[in-house]
């Protein structure tokens, strides 16, 4: 088989495995929550490793080149370009934010990476659909993920001290979200693209069993909510997902931003205990205080310029508190506010909303509940190679592919009818 055709067919698989952490498994003994935060900081500073750079640069160059020269996917090109446009604008906003960042080189570097990341996944999914290799990609990804988990368990490093399944990941929460997203993507694609595979359905059951063993409550609940959402009508799904997105955006971004500028600073941390959501109350309070005290709530600190820059943020730099080990806002909406302020966050939110307006696939809309709810307790949107962000990109591009698929099927029905 021509190596270029092979990469077109299975490039998406390689990118999915990269995001699942298969290429950099952790077969060390699992650590405590505090140690994990320290480990995350270390990793964030090492995200410029050679393998990661080479992998995504190569993926971008290859898929971009093949996308432009391949005339057989002309029907897909307009919609893929349209959907990818929204992601590119977000990347441009991130790049512009480097102009006021205290760490402009870091902001630029991370913005460029997101450009490569989003483009590669978008075009990779396009080719995978064209070559009808989505089913095989899913099967291989699921099998490899399960085998890696079992390998970690056999080696005696797959379980934490509390017998929570962390597998080949650094923590049970990371393993949990990876499994939950893999389950949702697999189910979403099988239903959207009419993939009928008993083997894959059986593997999804096994994946869910592994998810339960992680004891990651958030991921388990999100996965269950997704399957419950698929039972609703498209209208109800759009109403629920849109309403929740607007509510969370308003609570965590819009209300704090507007109230600050009218000299009546209000935010959710003022109304919850410090221990809210296992300590997130005190984290959110410190970060909202930071934004107000340093007057950064309008434009933020710049993309990727708050955490993971080698310096502990001022309000978190307390050697007698666990806050010194915090490496994320533990809320995706607040994380956006820290980086882009209320102005940039508003543009990003609108772009993401518009990108899904014309989608008429209920499984894709049901899947949106994962990034919407996950970002209430974790920071995953527009963040490196996080699986929840990978899911968001896949949903946006899949909605475009489904649109083309639907139009082609309608044309065939008209032709057959005449």
Protein backbone atom coordinates (compact mmCIF):
# COMPACT_ATOMS: atom_id res chain seq x y z
CA UNK A 1 0.00 0.00 0.00
CA UNK A 2 1.19 3.51 -0.82
CA UNK A 3 2.58 5.03 2.40
CA UNK A 4 0.75 8.31 1.74
CA UNK A 5 -2.59 6.53 1.43
CA UNK A 6 -1.80 4.56 4.58
CA UNK A 7 -1.14 7.76 6.52
CA UNK A 8 -4.32 9.32 5.16
CA UNK A 9 -6.30 6.32 6.38
CA UNK A 10 -4.69 5.87 9.78
CA UNK A 11 -3.20 9.25 10.64
CA UNK A 12 -6.26 9.97 12.78
CA UNK A 13 -5.56 6.79 14.74
CA UNK A 14 -2.01 7.92 15.49
CA UNK A 15 -3.24 11.33 16.68
CA UNK A 16 -5.94 9.72 18.83
CA UNK A 17 -3.39 7.41 20.44
CA UNK A 18 -1.10 10.39 21.06
CA UNK A 19 -3.90 12.23 22.91
CA UNK A 20 -4.72 9.08 24.88
CA UNK A 21 -1.12 9.07 26.11
CA UNK A 22 -0.26 5.72 24.55
CA UNK A 23 3.05 6.99 23.15
CA UNK A 24 4.18 8.24 26.57
CA UNK A 25 2.73 5.76 29.10
CA UNK A 26 3.36 6.12 32.82
CA UNK A 27 4.33 2.75 34.27
CA UNK A 28 5.55 4.23 37.56
CA UNK A 29 3.78 3.83 40.90
CA UNK A 30 0.79 6.13 41.08
CA UNK A 31 1.13 9.16 43.27
CA UNK A 32 -0.84 11.36 45.64
CA UNK A 33 -2.90 14.31 44.50
CA UNK A 34 -0.27 16.85 45.60
CA UNK A 35 2.52 14.94 43.88
CA UNK A 36 0.37 14.78 40.79
CA UNK A 37 -0.02 18.57 40.77
CA UNK A 38 3.77 18.92 41.01
CA UNK A 39 4.16 16.39 38.23
CA UNK A 40 1.77 18.33 36.04
CA UNK A 41 3.84 21.47 36.53
CA UNK A 42 6.99 19.59 35.54
CA UNK A 43 5.30 18.15 32.48
CA UNK A 44 3.91 21.50 31.41
CA UNK A 45 7.45 22.82 31.33
CA UNK A 46 8.57 19.84 29.28
CA UNK A 47 5.83 20.03 26.68
CA UNK A 48 8.39 21.16 24.12
CA UNK A 49 9.93 17.69 23.90
CA UNK A 50 11.32 16.79 20.51
CA UNK A 51 8.95 13.90 19.82
CA UNK A 52 5.86 16.03 20.40
CA UNK A 53 7.13 18.81 18.17
CA UNK A 54 8.16 16.50 15.35
CA UNK A 55 4.93 14.48 15.54
CA UNK A 56 2.53 17.41 15.22
CA UNK A 57 4.62 19.40 12.75
CA UNK A 58 4.84 16.34 10.51
CA UNK A 59 1.10 15.66 10.88
CA UNK A 60 0.27 19.27 9.98
CA UNK A 61 2.56 19.41 6.93
CA UNK A 62 1.46 16.02 5.63
CA UNK A 63 -2.29 16.48 6.00
CA UNK A 64 -2.28 20.09 4.80
CA UNK A 65 -0.34 19.13 1.67
CA UNK A 66 -2.57 16.13 0.93
CA UNK A 67 -5.68 18.21 1.57
CA UNK A 68 -4.74 20.79 -1.04
CA UNK A 69 -3.60 18.41 -3.77
CA UNK A 70 -6.29 15.74 -3.38
CA UNK A 71 -9.17 16.48 -5.76
CA UNK A 72 -11.18 13.41 -4.73
CA UNK A 73 -12.36 15.08 -1.52
CA UNK A 74 -13.63 18.27 -3.16
CA UNK A 75 -17.12 17.74 -1.72
CA UNK A 76 -15.68 17.71 1.79
CA UNK A 77 -13.23 20.59 1.35
CA UNK A 78 -15.68 23.52 1.66
CA UNK A 79 -17.32 22.32 4.87
CA UNK A 80 -14.02 21.22 6.45
CA UNK A 81 -12.51 24.60 5.60
CA UNK A 82 -15.57 26.37 7.03
CA UNK A 83 -15.54 24.41 10.30
CA UNK A 84 -11.77 24.66 10.70
CA UNK A 85 -12.01 28.42 10.13
CA UNK A 86 -13.65 28.89 13.55
CA UNK A 87 -10.85 26.95 15.24
CA UNK A 88 -8.25 28.99 13.36
CA UNK A 89 -9.78 32.27 14.51
CA UNK A 90 -9.52 31.06 18.10
CA UNK A 91 -5.85 30.27 17.48
CA UNK A 92 -5.37 33.76 16.04
CA UNK A 93 -6.94 35.28 19.17
CA UNK A 94 -4.47 33.23 21.23
CA UNK A 95 -1.60 34.45 19.07
CA UNK A 96 -2.69 38.08 19.41
CA UNK A 97 -2.84 37.69 23.20
CA UNK A 98 0.94 37.22 23.15
CA UNK A 99 1.22 40.96 22.54
CA UNK A 100 0.19 41.73 26.14
CA UNK A 101 1.47 38.55 27.75
CA UNK A 102 4.33 38.65 30.23
CA UNK A 103 5.60 35.53 28.47
CA UNK A 104 5.07 36.32 24.77
CA UNK A 105 7.27 33.52 23.45
CA UNK A 106 5.39 30.93 25.49
CA UNK A 107 2.04 32.32 24.31
CA UNK A 108 3.12 32.32 20.68
CA UNK A 109 4.56 28.83 20.91
CA UNK A 110 1.41 27.40 22.51
CA UNK A 111 -0.87 29.24 20.08
CA UNK A 112 1.08 27.89 17.10
CA UNK A 113 0.89 24.40 18.57
CA UNK A 114 -2.91 24.70 18.81
CA UNK A 115 -2.98 25.78 15.17
CA UNK A 116 -1.06 22.62 14.20
CA UNK A 117 -3.15 20.46 16.53
CA UNK A 118 -6.58 21.65 15.39
CA UNK A 119 -5.70 21.60 11.68
CA UNK A 120 -4.14 18.13 11.80
CA UNK A 121 -7.10 16.56 13.60
CA UNK A 122 -9.63 18.28 11.33
CA UNK A 123 -8.03 17.12 8.08
CA UNK A 124 -7.11 13.72 9.54
CA UNK A 125 -10.77 13.06 10.35
CA UNK A 126 -11.74 14.22 6.85
CA UNK A 127 -9.41 11.67 5.21
CA UNK A 128 -10.42 8.93 7.62
CA UNK A 129 -14.05 9.43 6.65
CA UNK A 130 -13.22 9.57 2.94
CA UNK A 131 -11.25 6.30 3.09
CA UNK A 132 -13.97 4.70 5.25
CA UNK A 133 -11.39 3.82 7.88
CA UNK A 134 -13.10 5.36 10.92
CA UNK A 135 -14.37 1.97 12.13
CA UNK A 136 -10.93 0.35 11.93
CA UNK A 137 -9.31 3.37 13.57
CA UNK A 138 -11.77 3.07 16.46
CA UNK A 139 -11.26 -0.67 16.86
CA UNK A 140 -7.48 -0.40 16.95
CA UNK A 141 -7.54 2.58 19.35
CA UNK A 142 -9.90 0.79 21.75
CA UNK A 143 -7.92 -2.45 21.67
CA UNK A 144 -4.58 -0.69 22.23
CA UNK A 145 -6.02 1.38 25.08
CA UNK A 146 -7.40 -1.73 26.81
CA UNK A 147 -4.16 -3.66 26.33
CA UNK A 148 -2.11 -0.76 27.75
CA UNK A 149 -4.35 -0.63 30.83
CA UNK A 150 -4.05 -4.39 31.35
CA UNK A 151 -0.27 -4.20 30.88
CA UNK A 152 -0.02 -1.56 33.61
CA UNK A 153 -2.14 -3.68 35.96
CA UNK A 154 -0.08 -6.82 35.27
CA UNK A 155 3.10 -4.87 36.07
CA UNK A 156 1.56 -3.85 39.39
CA UNK A 157 1.49 -0.11 38.64
CA UNK A 158 -2.01 0.26 37.22
CA UNK A 159 -3.75 0.83 40.55
CA UNK A 160 -3.35 3.61 43.07
CA UNK A 161 -3.01 3.04 46.81
CA UNK A 162 -6.81 3.21 47.05
CA UNK A 163 -7.21 0.60 44.30
CA UNK A 164 -8.40 3.15 41.79
CA UNK A 165 -7.56 2.24 38.21
CA UNK A 166 -5.04 4.69 36.78
CA UNK A 167 -3.74 2.27 34.15
CA UNK A 168 -0.91 3.74 32.10
CA UNK A 169 -1.91 7.33 33.02
CA UNK A 170 -0.54 9.43 35.86
CA UNK A 171 -3.80 9.49 37.81
CA UNK A 172 -7.23 7.88 37.90
CA UNK A 173 -8.87 11.16 36.82
CA UNK A 174 -6.75 11.35 33.68
CA UNK A 175 -7.51 7.71 32.92
CA UNK A 176 -11.18 8.36 33.61
CA UNK A 177 -11.59 11.24 31.19
CA UNK A 178 -9.60 9.40 28.51
CA UNK A 179 -11.87 6.37 28.77
CA UNK A 180 -15.05 8.46 28.92
CA UNK A 181 -14.12 10.46 25.83
CA UNK A 182 -13.06 7.33 23.93
CA UNK A 183 -16.43 5.74 24.74
CA UNK A 184 -18.36 8.83 23.66
CA UNK A 185 -16.37 9.31 20.44
CA UNK A 186 -16.81 5.66 19.50
CA UNK A 187 -20.55 5.67 20.13
CA UNK A 188 -21.01 9.08 18.48
CA UNK A 189 -19.21 8.02 15.30
CA UNK A 190 -20.87 4.59 15.04
CA UNK A 191 -24.30 6.21 15.22
CA UNK A 192 -23.49 9.23 13.04
CA UNK A 193 -21.74 7.32 10.26
CA UNK A 194 -23.83 4.13 10.35
CA UNK A 195 -21.07 1.86 11.61
CA UNK A 196 -22.55 -1.47 12.65
CA UNK A 197 -20.00 -3.47 14.63
CA UNK A 198 -20.87 -5.98 17.35
CA UNK A 199 -17.19 -6.25 18.21
CA UNK A 200 -16.90 -2.50 18.80
CA UNK A 201 -20.08 -2.47 20.88
CA UNK A 202 -18.64 -5.23 23.05
CA UNK A 203 -15.40 -3.31 23.49
CA UNK A 204 -17.35 -0.23 24.58
CA UNK A 205 -18.90 -2.27 27.39
CA UNK A 206 -15.43 -3.35 28.49
CA UNK A 207 -14.24 0.26 28.34
CA UNK A 208 -17.12 1.33 30.57
CA UNK A 209 -16.23 -1.39 33.10
CA UNK A 210 -12.68 -0.02 33.18
CA UNK A 211 -14.10 3.49 33.58
CA UNK A 212 -16.07 2.37 36.64
CA UNK A 213 -12.89 0.83 38.09
CA UNK A 214 -11.14 4.20 37.90
CA UNK A 215 -13.68 5.48 40.47
CA UNK A 216 -13.47 8.83 38.67
CA UNK A 217 -16.91 10.08 39.63
CA UNK A 218 -16.96 13.04 37.24
CA UNK A 219 -16.06 10.96 34.18
CA UNK A 220 -18.50 8.18 35.07
CA UNK A 221 -21.35 10.64 35.55
CA UNK A 222 -20.53 12.48 32.30
CA UNK A 223 -20.52 9.22 30.35
CA UNK A 224 -23.90 8.20 31.79
CA UNK A 225 -25.35 11.65 31.10
CA UNK A 226 -24.24 11.39 27.46
CA UNK A 227 -26.12 8.12 26.94
CA UNK A 228 -29.21 9.54 28.66
CA UNK A 229 -29.02 12.63 26.45
CA UNK A 230 -29.02 10.50 23.29
CA UNK A 231 -32.57 9.45 24.16
CA UNK A 232 -33.85 13.01 23.77
CA UNK A 233 -35.00 14.76 20.61
CA UNK A 234 -32.65 17.05 18.70
CA UNK A 235 -34.64 20.14 19.73
CA UNK A 236 -34.39 19.28 23.42
CA UNK A 237 -30.68 18.51 23.08
CA UNK A 238 -29.95 21.85 21.44
CA UNK A 239 -31.99 23.63 24.09
CA UNK A 240 -30.23 21.89 26.98
CA UNK A 241 -26.65 22.17 25.68
CA UNK A 242 -27.08 25.80 24.55
CA UNK A 243 -28.72 26.79 27.83
CA UNK A 244 -26.04 25.13 29.96
CA UNK A 245 -23.24 26.66 27.91
CA UNK A 246 -24.74 30.15 28.24
CA UNK A 247 -25.40 29.69 31.97
CA UNK A 248 -21.86 28.53 32.75
CA UNK A 249 -20.31 31.21 30.54
CA UNK A 250 -22.40 33.86 32.30
CA UNK A 251 -21.67 32.59 35.82
CA UNK A 252 -17.93 32.10 35.46
CA UNK A 253 -17.00 34.76 32.87
CA UNK A 254 -19.65 37.32 31.91
CA UNK A 255 -21.03 38.24 35.35
CA UNK A 256 -17.57 38.62 36.96
CA UNK A 257 -16.36 40.64 33.95
CA UNK A 258 -19.34 43.00 33.77
CA UNK A 259 -19.70 43.42 37.55
CA UNK A 260 -16.02 44.26 37.87
CA UNK A 261 -16.34 47.08 35.37
CA UNK A 262 -19.33 48.57 37.16
CA UNK A 263 -17.40 48.49 40.46
CA UNK A 264 -19.50 45.75 42.03
CA UNK A 265 -17.23 42.73 41.54
CA UNK A 266 -19.25 39.54 41.87
CA UNK A 267 -18.15 35.98 41.25
CA UNK A 268 -19.23 32.49 42.28
CA UNK A 269 -16.37 32.00 44.75
CA UNK A 270 -17.99 34.61 46.99
CA UNK A 271 -20.99 32.34 47.47
CA UNK A 272 -19.40 28.93 48.02
CA UNK A 273 -17.25 27.48 50.79
CA UNK A 274 -13.50 27.07 50.43
CA UNK A 275 -13.96 23.31 50.35
CA UNK A 276 -16.56 23.44 47.56
CA UNK A 277 -15.96 20.64 45.03
CA UNK A 278 -12.95 19.30 46.96
CA UNK A 279 -11.15 22.60 47.44
CA UNK A 280 -12.14 24.32 44.22
CA UNK A 281 -13.86 27.09 46.18
CA UNK A 282 -10.59 28.42 47.59
CA UNK A 283 -8.81 27.99 44.23
CA UNK A 284 -11.50 29.93 42.35
CA UNK A 285 -11.56 32.64 45.01
CA UNK A 286 -7.80 33.13 44.77
CA UNK A 287 -7.87 33.33 40.97
CA UNK A 288 -10.81 35.74 40.78
CA UNK A 289 -9.06 37.89 43.40
CA UNK A 290 -5.92 37.82 41.25
CA UNK A 291 -7.81 39.02 38.16
CA UNK A 292 -9.39 41.88 40.08
CA UNK A 293 -6.34 42.91 42.10
CA UNK A 294 -4.05 43.12 39.06
CA UNK A 295 -6.77 44.52 36.79
CA UNK A 296 -6.40 41.67 34.26
CA UNK A 297 -10.06 40.75 33.93
CA UNK A 298 -10.57 42.64 30.64
CA UNK A 299 -7.91 40.97 28.46
CA UNK A 300 -6.40 38.36 30.77
CA UNK A 301 -2.76 37.34 31.05
CA UNK A 302 -2.41 35.95 27.54
CA UNK A 303 -2.78 32.41 26.21
CA UNK A 304 -0.86 29.86 28.28
CA UNK A 305 0.76 32.62 30.34
CA UNK A 306 -0.65 31.97 33.80
CA UNK A 307 0.12 28.35 34.63
CA UNK A 308 3.07 26.29 33.46
CA UNK A 309 5.46 29.17 32.85
CA UNK A 310 8.02 28.25 35.50
CA UNK A 311 6.76 30.84 38.01
CA UNK A 312 4.09 30.25 40.66
CA UNK A 313 1.35 32.92 40.33
CA UNK A 314 1.54 35.54 43.09
CA UNK A 315 -1.77 34.70 44.80
CA UNK A 316 -0.89 31.00 44.87
CA UNK A 317 2.68 31.42 46.11
CA UNK A 318 2.07 30.42 49.72
CA UNK A 319 4.54 27.86 51.07
CA UNK A 320 2.08 26.93 53.84
CA UNK A 321 -0.81 26.18 51.48
CA UNK A 322 -1.58 23.52 48.88
CA UNK A 323 -2.30 26.39 46.50
CA UNK A 324 1.40 26.53 45.58
CA UNK A 325 0.95 23.15 43.86
CA UNK A 326 -2.14 24.09 41.85
CA UNK A 327 -1.40 23.87 38.13
CA UNK A 328 -4.79 24.76 36.63
CA UNK A 329 -7.91 26.76 37.44
CA UNK A 330 -9.90 23.53 37.84
CA UNK A 331 -12.57 25.26 35.79
CA UNK A 332 -12.28 25.66 32.03
CA UNK A 333 -14.36 28.83 31.90
CA UNK A 334 -12.27 30.53 34.58
CA UNK A 335 -9.14 29.29 32.80
CA UNK A 336 -10.32 31.08 29.64
CA UNK A 337 -10.95 34.24 31.67
CA UNK A 338 -7.43 34.10 33.10
CA UNK A 339 -5.92 33.86 29.62
CA UNK A 340 -8.20 35.99 27.43
CA UNK A 341 -10.19 38.13 29.83
CA UNK A 342 -13.88 38.75 29.35
CA UNK A 343 -13.36 40.22 25.85
CA UNK A 344 -11.38 37.35 24.34
CA UNK A 345 -13.46 34.72 26.14
CA UNK A 346 -16.63 36.21 24.68
CA UNK A 347 -15.27 35.94 21.14
CA UNK A 348 -14.12 32.35 21.70
CA UNK A 349 -17.47 31.37 23.20
CA UNK A 350 -19.39 32.87 20.27
CA UNK A 351 -17.14 31.14 17.74
CA UNK A 352 -17.63 27.74 19.38
CA UNK A 353 -21.40 28.27 19.54
CA UNK A 354 -21.64 29.31 15.87
CA UNK A 355 -19.56 26.32 14.79
CA UNK A 356 -22.36 24.00 15.97
CA UNK A 357 -25.42 26.01 14.90
CA UNK A 358 -26.22 24.08 11.71
CA UNK A 359 -25.56 20.64 13.14
CA UNK A 360 -28.61 18.38 12.98
CA UNK A 361 -27.11 15.25 14.48
CA UNK A 362 -28.41 14.48 17.96
CA UNK A 363 -25.42 12.31 18.91
CA UNK A 364 -23.02 15.17 18.23
CA UNK A 365 -25.12 17.55 20.30
CA UNK A 366 -25.38 14.99 23.08
CA UNK A 367 -21.57 14.66 23.07
CA UNK A 368 -21.27 18.42 23.64
CA UNK A 369 -22.43 17.83 27.20
CA UNK A 370 -18.99 16.35 27.97
CA UNK A 371 -16.85 19.48 27.37
CA UNK A 372 -19.62 21.74 28.70
CA UNK A 373 -19.90 19.96 32.07
CA UNK A 374 -16.30 18.73 32.33
CA UNK A 375 -15.03 22.30 32.27
CA UNK A 376 -17.04 23.16 35.37
CA UNK A 377 -14.60 21.18 37.52
CA UNK A 378 -11.56 20.82 35.23
CA UNK A 379 -9.69 22.99 32.73
CA UNK A 380 -9.71 21.24 29.38
CA UNK A 381 -11.07 23.57 26.70
CA UNK A 382 -8.45 24.88 24.24
CA UNK A 383 -5.73 23.25 26.30
CA UNK A 384 -2.86 21.32 24.74
CA UNK A 385 -3.64 17.66 23.86
CA UNK A 386 -6.35 17.17 26.47
CA UNK A 387 -8.87 14.50 25.40
CA UNK A 388 -11.88 16.70 26.24
CA UNK A 389 -10.52 19.38 23.85
CA UNK A 390 -9.83 16.67 21.27
CA UNK A 391 -13.49 15.67 21.61
CA UNK A 392 -14.64 19.26 21.05
CA UNK A 393 -12.63 19.52 17.82
CA UNK A 394 -13.94 16.15 16.64
CA UNK A 395 -17.55 17.19 17.34
CA UNK A 396 -17.17 20.39 15.30
CA UNK A 397 -15.57 18.67 12.30
CA UNK A 398 -17.89 15.65 12.49
CA UNK A 399 -20.89 17.99 12.31
CA UNK A 400 -19.57 19.27 8.97
CA UNK A 401 -18.91 15.78 7.61
CA UNK A 402 -22.36 14.65 8.70
CA UNK A 403 -23.87 17.63 6.88
CA UNK A 404 -22.15 16.63 3.62
CA UNK A 405 -23.12 12.98 4.15
CA UNK A 406 -26.74 13.99 4.68
CA UNK A 407 -26.79 16.13 1.53
CA UNK A 408 -25.23 13.34 -0.58
CA UNK A 409 -27.81 10.84 0.70
CA UNK A 410 -30.62 13.23 -0.16
CA UNK A 411 -29.25 13.67 -3.67
CA UNK A 412 -29.12 9.90 -4.13
CA UNK A 413 -32.70 9.52 -2.95
CA UNK A 414 -33.85 12.18 -5.42
CA UNK A 415 -31.99 10.48 -8.24
CA UNK A 416 -33.38 7.06 -7.34
CA UNK A 417 -36.85 8.56 -6.99
CA UNK A 418 -36.79 10.00 -10.48
